[in-house]
Every structure is written in C-alpha cells, then in structure tokens.
Amino acid sequence: MYIIIVGCGRLGSVLSMELSDAGHNIAVIDSDSKRLEALGNGFNGLSVKGIEYDSNVLREAGISRADYLLSLTSDDNLNIMVSLIAKDCFKVPRVIARVNEPSKKSVYELLFIETINPTELISYIIKSKIEGDRK
C-alpha cells in the first residue's frame, strides 16, 4: 500500500519505519527538515519537507496514489486541515488523524474524520491491566 504520513515526530517516525519495514511504500511530510533527517539511512521511503497542508507538497508526496493518509502531528488544527484536504479534495480512500486534545474529538467526528486518540488508548490499556489484576 502507498501510505502518506504527515508529521515526523515520535509517532510518525516510528510508524514510518515500521510500515516501511513491513513492505509498504511510505512518504513522510514534515515542515522540519531535522525531523525528516532523523529518519536516517535506514528509511527507504520518500521524505518531503514543506507545509503539510500545501497542495503542491501533498502532490510531491504522491497523494494522487495514496491508499492512506495518516495525519499524526501534535497540532489538532493542522491534523484536521490536512485530513479534510486529503479526504475532500484528493479523495484519499482512508484518512486517519491523531487526536491530541480529547476535547477536540467531537470536531473530528462532526467532519467525519476517522481518529486515533492516544490518550484514550493508553487509558484503556492501563485500566484493563488494573482490572485484570483484580481478578
């Protein structure tokens, strides 16, 4: 699959490497060249430096052939904007965004953007471990 990952922080960089190692074609977009460079020589995908919501940057990353776009930045507003552009303008089949501030989850839902909420996931895992220990 061809997957575009927007945001090359901790989550974006780890996921880029793992998906690339699993045989997927990966393009990573970030406005910070140091983050892209940190991927290192082991990353055999495409790195694109630029403003994440810029249509020319998205085209350079190959959005016209993307099966997925994952918007994983630490900025909810940026994730929403990139997701809407990918979904509505470029018709990317699957768009998933990271929710950083749980109170903004309803905004994503109103816009029909599929989300991953790390806070909820970690909370669920910890709660499950505690509940499992009680049994």
Protein backbone atom coordinates (compact mmCIF):
# COMPACT_ATOMS: atom_id res chain seq x y z
CA MET A 1 0.00 0.00 0.00
CA TYR A 2 1.02 3.61 -0.52
CA ILE A 3 0.79 5.50 2.76
CA ILE A 4 1.46 9.17 3.43
CA ILE A 5 2.36 10.06 7.00
CA VAL A 6 2.07 13.72 7.93
CA GLY A 7 4.20 14.59 10.94
CA CYS A 8 7.60 13.08 11.66
CA GLY A 9 7.64 13.33 15.44
CA ARG A 10 7.98 10.28 17.67
CA LEU A 11 4.80 8.57 16.49
CA GLY A 12 5.20 9.47 12.82
CA SER A 13 8.84 8.45 12.63
CA VAL A 14 8.36 5.11 14.41
CA LEU A 15 5.30 4.25 12.32
CA SER A 16 7.09 5.29 9.11
CA MET A 17 9.95 2.91 9.81
CA GLU A 18 7.70 0.03 10.90
CA LEU A 19 5.37 0.32 7.90
CA SER A 20 8.32 0.68 5.54
CA ASP A 21 9.97 -2.40 7.06
CA ALA A 22 6.66 -4.26 6.58
CA GLY A 23 6.88 -3.61 2.83
CA HIS A 24 4.60 -0.60 2.42
CA ASN A 25 5.55 2.38 0.28
CA ILE A 26 5.80 5.35 2.63
CA ALA A 27 6.01 9.10 2.11
CA VAL A 28 6.57 11.33 5.13
CA ILE A 29 5.76 15.03 5.17
CA ASP A 30 7.04 17.46 7.80
CA SER A 31 7.90 21.15 7.84
CA ASP A 32 11.00 20.46 9.96
CA SER A 33 13.92 19.11 7.92
CA LYS A 34 15.73 17.93 11.08
CA ARG A 35 12.88 15.56 11.87
CA LEU A 36 12.99 14.12 8.38
CA GLU A 37 16.78 13.74 8.54
CA ALA A 38 16.40 11.88 11.84
CA LEU A 39 14.73 9.03 9.93
CA GLY A 40 18.25 8.17 8.79
CA ASN A 41 19.57 5.99 6.01
CA GLY A 42 17.50 3.00 7.14
CA PHE A 43 14.33 4.68 5.87
CA ASN A 44 13.75 3.80 2.23
CA GLY A 45 10.62 5.88 1.70
CA LEU A 46 10.12 9.39 0.41
CA SER A 47 10.73 12.38 2.69
CA VAL A 48 9.05 15.66 1.75
CA LYS A 49 9.81 18.92 3.54
CA GLY A 50 7.10 21.54 3.35
CA ILE A 51 3.92 22.98 4.73
CA GLU A 52 1.82 19.93 5.46
CA TYR A 53 -1.47 21.23 4.02
CA ASP A 54 0.05 22.74 0.86
CA SER A 55 -1.43 21.00 -2.17
CA ASN A 56 1.90 21.07 -4.03
CA VAL A 57 3.64 19.40 -1.08
CA LEU A 58 0.89 16.78 -0.93
CA ARG A 59 1.24 16.17 -4.67
CA GLU A 60 5.02 15.83 -4.32
CA ALA A 61 4.36 13.17 -1.67
CA GLY A 62 2.19 11.27 -4.16
CA ILE A 63 -1.26 11.93 -2.72
CA SER A 64 -2.95 11.03 -6.01
CA ARG A 65 -1.94 7.38 -5.49
CA ALA A 66 -2.24 7.22 -1.69
CA ASP A 67 -4.26 4.42 -0.16
CA TYR A 68 -3.96 6.01 3.28
CA LEU A 69 -3.05 9.38 4.71
CA LEU A 70 -2.21 9.44 8.41
CA SER A 71 -2.08 12.91 9.96
CA LEU A 72 -0.06 12.43 13.13
CA THR A 73 1.18 15.88 14.11
CA SER A 74 0.87 17.29 17.62
CA ASP A 75 -1.41 20.06 16.31
CA ASP A 76 -5.11 19.17 16.15
CA ASN A 77 -5.95 22.10 13.86
CA LEU A 78 -3.25 21.03 11.41
CA ASN A 79 -4.42 17.40 11.54
CA ILE A 80 -8.00 18.47 10.83
CA MET A 81 -6.96 20.71 7.92
CA VAL A 82 -4.71 18.08 6.32
CA SER A 83 -7.35 15.38 6.78
CA LEU A 84 -10.09 17.44 5.16
CA ILE A 85 -7.88 18.32 2.20
CA ALA A 86 -6.87 14.68 1.72
CA LYS A 87 -10.41 13.39 2.10
CA ASP A 88 -12.41 16.03 0.24
CA CYS A 89 -10.00 17.47 -2.34
CA PHE A 90 -7.83 14.47 -3.18
CA LYS A 91 -10.32 11.69 -2.36
CA VAL A 92 -7.79 9.59 -0.43
CA PRO A 93 -9.67 6.35 0.39
CA ARG A 94 -8.63 6.18 4.08
CA VAL A 95 -7.69 9.19 6.18
CA ILE A 96 -6.87 8.78 9.86
CA ALA A 97 -5.91 11.62 12.20
CA ARG A 98 -4.33 11.71 15.62
CA VAL A 99 -6.39 13.48 18.29
CA ASN A 100 -4.10 15.27 20.72
CA GLU A 101 -6.64 17.15 22.82
CA PRO A 102 -9.50 14.79 23.79
CA SER A 103 -11.94 17.73 23.97
CA LYS A 104 -11.50 18.21 20.19
CA LYS A 105 -12.61 14.68 19.30
CA SER A 106 -16.14 15.94 18.62
CA VAL A 107 -14.80 18.32 15.94
CA TYR A 108 -13.21 15.41 14.09
CA GLU A 109 -16.46 13.45 14.40
CA LEU A 110 -18.53 16.34 13.02
CA LEU A 111 -16.23 16.38 9.99
CA PHE A 112 -16.37 12.57 9.58
CA ILE A 113 -12.62 12.20 10.12
CA GLU A 114 -11.53 8.81 11.44
CA THR A 115 -9.34 9.24 14.51
CA ILE A 116 -6.83 7.62 16.80
CA ASN A 117 -6.74 9.08 20.30
CA PRO A 118 -3.51 8.09 22.11
CA THR A 119 -4.83 9.37 25.45
CA GLU A 120 -7.91 7.14 25.24
CA LEU A 121 -5.88 4.14 24.07
CA ILE A 122 -3.34 4.39 26.87
CA SER A 123 -6.07 4.98 29.43
CA TYR A 124 -7.93 1.88 28.20
CA ILE A 125 -4.79 -0.28 28.31
CA ILE A 126 -3.87 0.81 31.83
CA LYS A 127 -7.44 0.35 33.07
CA SER A 128 -7.56 -3.14 31.50
CA LYS A 129 -4.32 -4.12 33.24
CA ILE A 130 -5.63 -2.89 36.59
CA GLU A 131 -8.96 -4.67 36.11
CA GLY A 132 -7.10 -7.83 35.04
CA ASP A 133 -5.01 -7.73 38.21
CA ARG A 134 -8.16 -7.52 40.34
CA LYS A 135 -9.49 -10.84 39.01
